[in-house]
């Protein structure tokens, strides 16, 4: 009986059904579809699975996840990080306070309070410490010496700096400077406000080394130039170049925008770096 029931269920699932659409005037069959219950279950299940995967990928790898109720936004994440730093500082201050009170109690009892100097291990004899070269250290030194053997750049006179006065920096955009270069506040560039959808151009000839999206600065593009110069363009709404593209001065590379968490309106954050050190773009570019 159980086998017969199973056979009936399987046969029902495999039975073909015909869905037809007829012309109401001529009764001509316009379109038809043959399906079984098993086909319907398979198609619906596969569609639901693919739709679920697409939604998960869309939420996990795009900024859409920030619109989910309960998901922390940029300000909340910054507050969490700041609270962690404050908590760590508070724990350190409490430890210092407890050590201070313990020292006072020791002094009241007539004892000698412990200090960092007294708590150190005085049994260590530094004259007995030897610094032996390990095998890995020797191999690393030999590898570096072989690589630098024919490197003429290390023999160059590093005291002669590049004369930027002979280089013409093309302004990436024309607009109003709202925030200037201030390394003391970790602001290593210049903020220029201009009309929305304005084209951002390359300041010098070079090669695109970075062209991606970040959470804090949105769409970012970075160009490597001659003379160890590097230019960075942040908060764009769209990038027009890819990594590895060669660009010329004045060539369009992006569209100005308001992307990223560290922005308060449509503008361009422009940075200039020389030999790994940020320099003030306003000293060389007329915005």
Protein backbone atom coordinates (compact mmCIF):
# COMPACT_ATOMS: atom_id res chain seq x y z
CA UNK A 1 0.00 0.00 0.00
CA UNK A 2 2.80 2.44 0.89
CA UNK A 3 4.64 1.68 -2.37
CA UNK A 4 1.46 2.24 -4.39
CA UNK A 5 0.89 5.59 -2.67
CA UNK A 6 4.46 6.61 -3.44
CA UNK A 7 4.03 5.60 -7.09
CA UNK A 8 0.82 7.65 -7.30
CA UNK A 9 2.53 10.70 -5.82
CA UNK A 10 5.50 10.36 -8.21
CA UNK A 11 3.18 9.89 -11.18
CA UNK A 12 1.18 12.96 -10.18
CA UNK A 13 4.38 15.00 -9.94
CA UNK A 14 5.44 13.83 -13.43
CA UNK A 15 2.07 14.27 -15.11
CA UNK A 16 2.27 16.91 -17.82
CA UNK A 17 -0.19 19.80 -17.86
CA UNK A 18 -0.77 22.10 -20.79
CA UNK A 19 -1.35 25.83 -20.35
CA UNK A 20 -2.71 27.36 -23.56
CA UNK A 21 -3.67 30.87 -24.60
CA UNK A 22 -6.29 31.21 -27.39
CA UNK A 23 -7.44 34.10 -29.53
CA UNK A 24 -10.91 34.96 -28.22
CA UNK A 25 -12.23 35.74 -31.69
CA UNK A 26 -10.72 32.96 -33.80
CA UNK A 27 -10.05 30.40 -31.05
CA UNK A 28 -6.58 30.03 -32.52
CA UNK A 29 -3.95 28.78 -30.10
CA UNK A 30 -1.46 31.65 -29.69
CA UNK A 31 0.88 30.23 -27.03
CA UNK A 32 1.12 27.15 -24.89
CA UNK A 33 3.32 25.78 -22.11
CA UNK A 34 3.75 22.21 -20.97
CA UNK A 35 4.76 21.75 -17.38
CA UNK A 36 4.61 19.15 -14.65
CA UNK A 37 4.27 19.76 -10.95
CA UNK A 38 7.88 18.67 -10.53
CA UNK A 39 9.01 21.27 -13.09
CA UNK A 40 7.04 24.00 -11.32
CA UNK A 41 8.54 23.11 -7.93
CA UNK A 42 12.06 23.04 -9.42
CA UNK A 43 11.70 26.39 -11.22
CA UNK A 44 10.13 28.12 -8.22
CA UNK A 45 12.70 26.69 -5.79
CA UNK A 46 15.65 27.65 -8.02
CA UNK A 47 14.25 31.16 -8.54
CA UNK A 48 13.77 31.69 -4.79
CA UNK A 49 17.29 30.41 -4.08
CA UNK A 50 18.89 32.68 -6.71
CA UNK A 51 16.86 35.66 -5.53
CA UNK A 52 17.91 35.02 -1.91
CA UNK A 53 21.59 34.74 -2.90
CA UNK A 54 21.36 37.96 -4.93
CA UNK A 55 19.81 39.84 -1.99
CA UNK A 56 22.50 38.53 0.41
CA UNK A 57 25.33 39.53 -1.95
CA UNK A 58 23.76 42.94 -2.56
CA UNK A 59 23.45 43.63 1.16
CA UNK A 60 26.87 42.22 2.10
CA UNK A 61 29.03 43.93 -0.52
CA UNK A 62 27.30 47.26 -1.21
CA UNK A 63 26.49 50.35 0.90
CA UNK A 64 22.81 49.32 0.89
CA UNK A 65 23.44 47.47 4.17
CA UNK A 66 23.61 50.84 5.92
CA UNK A 67 19.88 51.32 5.28
CA UNK A 68 19.01 48.16 7.24
CA UNK A 69 17.39 49.09 10.58
CA UNK A 70 19.81 48.41 13.41
CA UNK A 71 22.95 48.36 11.24
CA UNK A 72 25.47 50.92 12.57
CA UNK A 73 26.21 53.82 10.24
CA UNK A 74 29.50 55.67 9.94
CA UNK A 75 28.90 57.98 12.88
CA UNK A 76 27.94 55.10 15.15
CA UNK A 77 31.04 53.12 14.18
CA UNK A 78 33.25 56.14 14.87
CA UNK A 79 31.55 56.57 18.25
CA UNK A 80 32.16 52.90 19.05
CA UNK A 81 35.87 53.25 18.21
CA UNK A 82 36.15 56.44 20.26
CA UNK A 83 34.42 54.76 23.21
CA UNK A 84 36.88 51.85 23.00
CA UNK A 85 39.80 54.30 23.13
CA UNK A 86 38.23 56.16 26.05
CA UNK A 87 37.56 52.90 27.90
CA UNK A 88 41.17 51.84 27.45
CA UNK A 89 42.39 55.22 28.72
CA UNK A 90 39.99 55.01 31.67
CA UNK A 91 41.32 51.58 32.61
CA UNK A 92 44.87 52.93 32.45
CA UNK A 93 43.96 55.90 34.66
CA UNK A 94 42.24 53.61 37.19
CA UNK A 95 45.34 51.43 37.30
CA UNK A 96 47.51 54.50 37.98
CA UNK A 97 45.09 55.67 40.70
CA UNK A 98 45.11 52.28 42.42
CA UNK A 99 48.90 52.21 42.30
CA UNK A 100 48.98 55.72 43.79
CA UNK A 101 46.67 54.78 46.67
CA UNK A 102 48.69 51.63 47.33
CA UNK A 103 51.90 53.68 47.50
CA UNK A 104 50.27 56.12 49.99
CA UNK A 105 49.16 53.24 52.20
CA UNK A 106 52.66 51.77 52.07
CA UNK A 107 54.19 55.12 53.09
CA UNK A 108 51.68 55.50 55.98
CA UNK A 109 52.66 52.04 57.24
CA UNK A 110 56.32 53.08 57.12
CA UNK A 111 57.29 51.04 54.13
CA UNK A 112 58.95 51.91 50.83
CA UNK A 113 56.53 52.29 47.91
CA UNK A 114 57.20 50.40 44.74
CA UNK A 115 58.10 52.32 41.62
CA UNK A 116 58.85 51.39 38.06
CA UNK A 117 62.55 51.54 38.84
CA UNK A 118 62.20 49.43 42.00
CA UNK A 119 59.95 46.90 40.31
CA UNK A 120 62.45 46.16 37.57
CA UNK A 121 64.48 43.01 37.69
CA UNK A 122 67.94 44.14 38.80
CA UNK A 123 69.41 40.69 38.38
CA UNK A 124 69.80 41.20 34.65
CA UNK A 125 73.36 41.98 33.61
CA UNK A 126 73.30 43.86 30.35
CA UNK A 127 77.02 43.39 29.76
CA UNK A 128 76.38 39.67 29.37
CA UNK A 129 73.89 40.18 26.54
CA UNK A 130 75.31 39.21 23.16
CA UNK A 131 73.89 40.03 19.75
CA UNK A 132 74.64 37.16 17.40
CA UNK A 133 73.70 37.24 13.73
CA UNK A 134 71.26 34.53 12.84
CA UNK A 135 71.40 32.55 9.61
CA UNK A 136 68.19 34.19 8.33
CA UNK A 137 69.55 37.66 9.09
CA UNK A 138 72.74 36.95 7.16
CA UNK A 139 70.80 35.63 4.16
CA UNK A 140 68.55 38.70 4.18
CA UNK A 141 71.54 41.04 4.31
CA UNK A 142 73.20 39.20 1.42
CA UNK A 143 69.98 39.37 -0.67
CA UNK A 144 69.59 43.12 -0.12
CA UNK A 145 73.24 43.80 -0.90
CA UNK A 146 72.96 41.84 -4.17
CA UNK A 147 69.79 43.72 -5.16
CA UNK A 148 71.38 47.11 -4.44
CA UNK A 149 74.71 46.23 -6.08
CA UNK A 150 73.85 47.78 -9.44
CA UNK A 151 71.26 50.27 -8.20
CA UNK A 152 72.60 53.67 -9.20
CA UNK A 153 69.79 55.51 -7.43
CA UNK A 154 71.44 55.02 -4.03
CA UNK A 155 74.49 56.90 -5.32
CA UNK A 156 72.48 59.89 -6.45
CA UNK A 157 72.72 63.18 -4.59
CA UNK A 158 69.53 63.20 -2.51
CA UNK A 159 70.18 66.77 -1.34
CA UNK A 160 69.05 68.16 -4.71
CA UNK A 161 65.27 68.33 -4.46
CA UNK A 162 62.99 68.55 -7.48
CA UNK A 163 62.32 72.11 -8.56
CA UNK A 164 58.53 72.16 -8.76
CA UNK A 165 58.60 75.66 -10.21
CA UNK A 166 59.42 74.13 -13.60
CA UNK A 167 56.38 71.81 -13.42
CA UNK A 168 52.94 73.04 -14.48
CA UNK A 169 50.22 71.51 -12.31
CA UNK A 170 46.87 71.43 -14.08
CA UNK A 171 44.03 72.28 -11.63
CA UNK A 172 41.83 69.18 -11.16
CA UNK A 173 38.75 71.43 -10.79
CA UNK A 174 38.06 75.13 -10.59
CA UNK A 175 36.16 76.23 -7.51
CA UNK A 176 36.23 77.59 -3.98
CA UNK A 177 38.71 76.23 -1.44
CA UNK A 178 36.76 75.47 1.76
CA UNK A 179 39.35 73.51 3.73
CA UNK A 180 43.09 73.95 3.25
CA UNK A 181 46.03 71.65 3.86
CA UNK A 182 46.55 71.12 7.62
CA UNK A 183 48.69 68.12 8.60
CA UNK A 184 48.32 68.95 12.30
CA UNK A 185 44.65 67.94 12.02
CA UNK A 186 45.48 65.00 9.71
CA UNK A 187 43.99 66.85 6.74
CA UNK A 188 46.58 66.11 4.06
CA UNK A 189 44.81 67.74 1.14
CA UNK A 190 42.65 70.61 -0.08
CA UNK A 191 38.84 70.59 -0.33
CA UNK A 192 37.46 72.39 -3.40
CA UNK A 193 33.72 73.04 -3.79
CA UNK A 194 32.37 73.46 -7.32
CA UNK A 195 29.24 72.73 -9.33
CA UNK A 196 27.78 69.22 -9.15
CA UNK A 197 28.63 66.75 -11.92
CA UNK A 198 31.80 68.72 -12.67
CA UNK A 199 34.55 66.78 -14.45
CA UNK A 200 37.72 66.07 -12.44
CA UNK A 201 40.90 66.07 -14.53
CA UNK A 202 44.44 64.80 -13.94
CA UNK A 203 46.89 67.41 -12.66
CA UNK A 204 49.90 65.80 -14.42
CA UNK A 205 50.73 62.97 -16.78
CA UNK A 206 50.86 59.62 -15.04
CA UNK A 207 49.50 56.13 -14.46
CA UNK A 208 46.43 55.23 -12.40
CA UNK A 209 47.49 53.07 -9.44
CA UNK A 210 44.26 53.09 -7.40
CA UNK A 211 40.65 53.32 -8.62
CA UNK A 212 38.16 51.92 -6.15
CA UNK A 213 35.47 52.69 -3.55
CA UNK A 214 36.12 53.09 0.18
CA UNK A 215 33.66 53.51 3.05
CA UNK A 216 35.10 56.79 4.35
CA UNK A 217 36.18 58.60 1.15
CA UNK A 218 33.85 57.08 -1.45
CA UNK A 219 35.19 56.70 -4.98
CA UNK A 220 38.94 57.37 -4.95
CA UNK A 221 41.42 57.55 -7.82
CA UNK A 222 45.19 57.86 -7.40
CA UNK A 223 47.78 58.67 -10.08
CA UNK A 224 51.53 58.10 -9.99
CA UNK A 225 53.55 60.83 -11.75
CA UNK A 226 57.21 61.44 -12.52
CA UNK A 227 59.59 62.88 -9.91
CA UNK A 228 58.02 60.62 -7.22
CA UNK A 229 54.86 62.73 -7.23
CA UNK A 230 51.50 61.24 -6.37
CA UNK A 231 48.06 62.83 -6.69
CA UNK A 232 44.87 61.60 -4.98
CA UNK A 233 41.26 62.55 -5.82
CA UNK A 234 38.53 61.59 -3.29
CA UNK A 235 34.72 61.75 -2.81
CA UNK A 236 33.95 61.29 -6.53
CA UNK A 237 30.56 60.15 -7.73
CA UNK A 238 31.98 58.16 -10.67
CA UNK A 239 35.41 57.05 -11.87
CA UNK A 240 36.28 57.30 -15.57
CA UNK A 241 39.61 55.46 -15.46
CA UNK A 242 40.80 52.05 -14.31
CA UNK A 243 43.99 50.83 -12.65
CA UNK A 244 46.84 50.78 -15.15
CA UNK A 245 45.41 53.47 -17.47
CA UNK A 246 47.87 56.14 -18.60
CA UNK A 247 46.45 59.67 -18.40
CA UNK A 248 47.70 63.07 -19.51
CA UNK A 249 47.42 66.39 -17.74
CA UNK A 250 43.93 67.84 -18.14
CA UNK A 251 42.36 64.50 -19.10
CA UNK A 252 39.01 63.66 -17.44
CA UNK A 253 39.40 60.95 -14.79
CA UNK A 254 36.28 61.24 -12.58
CA UNK A 255 33.04 63.11 -11.83
CA UNK A 256 32.89 65.23 -8.67
CA UNK A 257 30.49 63.92 -6.05
CA UNK A 258 29.58 63.47 -2.41
CA UNK A 259 30.49 59.81 -1.79
CA UNK A 260 31.89 58.41 1.43
CA UNK A 261 31.17 59.03 5.11
CA UNK A 262 33.74 61.81 5.64
CA UNK A 263 31.97 64.37 3.46
CA UNK A 264 29.36 67.04 3.98
CA UNK A 265 28.53 68.01 0.40
CA UNK A 266 29.65 67.75 -3.23
CA UNK A 267 33.36 68.61 -3.37
CA UNK A 268 36.77 67.28 -4.33
CA UNK A 269 39.40 66.35 -1.76
CA UNK A 270 42.73 66.69 -3.61
CA UNK A 271 46.08 65.55 -2.23
CA UNK A 272 49.67 65.84 -3.48
CA UNK A 273 52.44 63.59 -2.15
CA UNK A 274 56.17 63.73 -2.83
CA UNK A 275 58.46 60.90 -1.74
CA UNK A 276 55.76 59.62 0.61
CA UNK A 277 55.27 63.03 2.28
CA UNK A 278 52.11 65.16 1.81
CA UNK A 279 52.64 68.67 0.42
CA UNK A 280 50.28 71.64 0.24
CA UNK A 281 48.52 71.59 -3.17
CA UNK A 282 47.78 75.34 -2.97
CA UNK A 283 51.52 76.05 -3.22
CA UNK A 284 51.59 74.61 -6.73
CA UNK A 285 48.02 74.57 -8.10
CA UNK A 286 45.81 77.59 -8.78
CA UNK A 287 42.26 76.47 -7.96
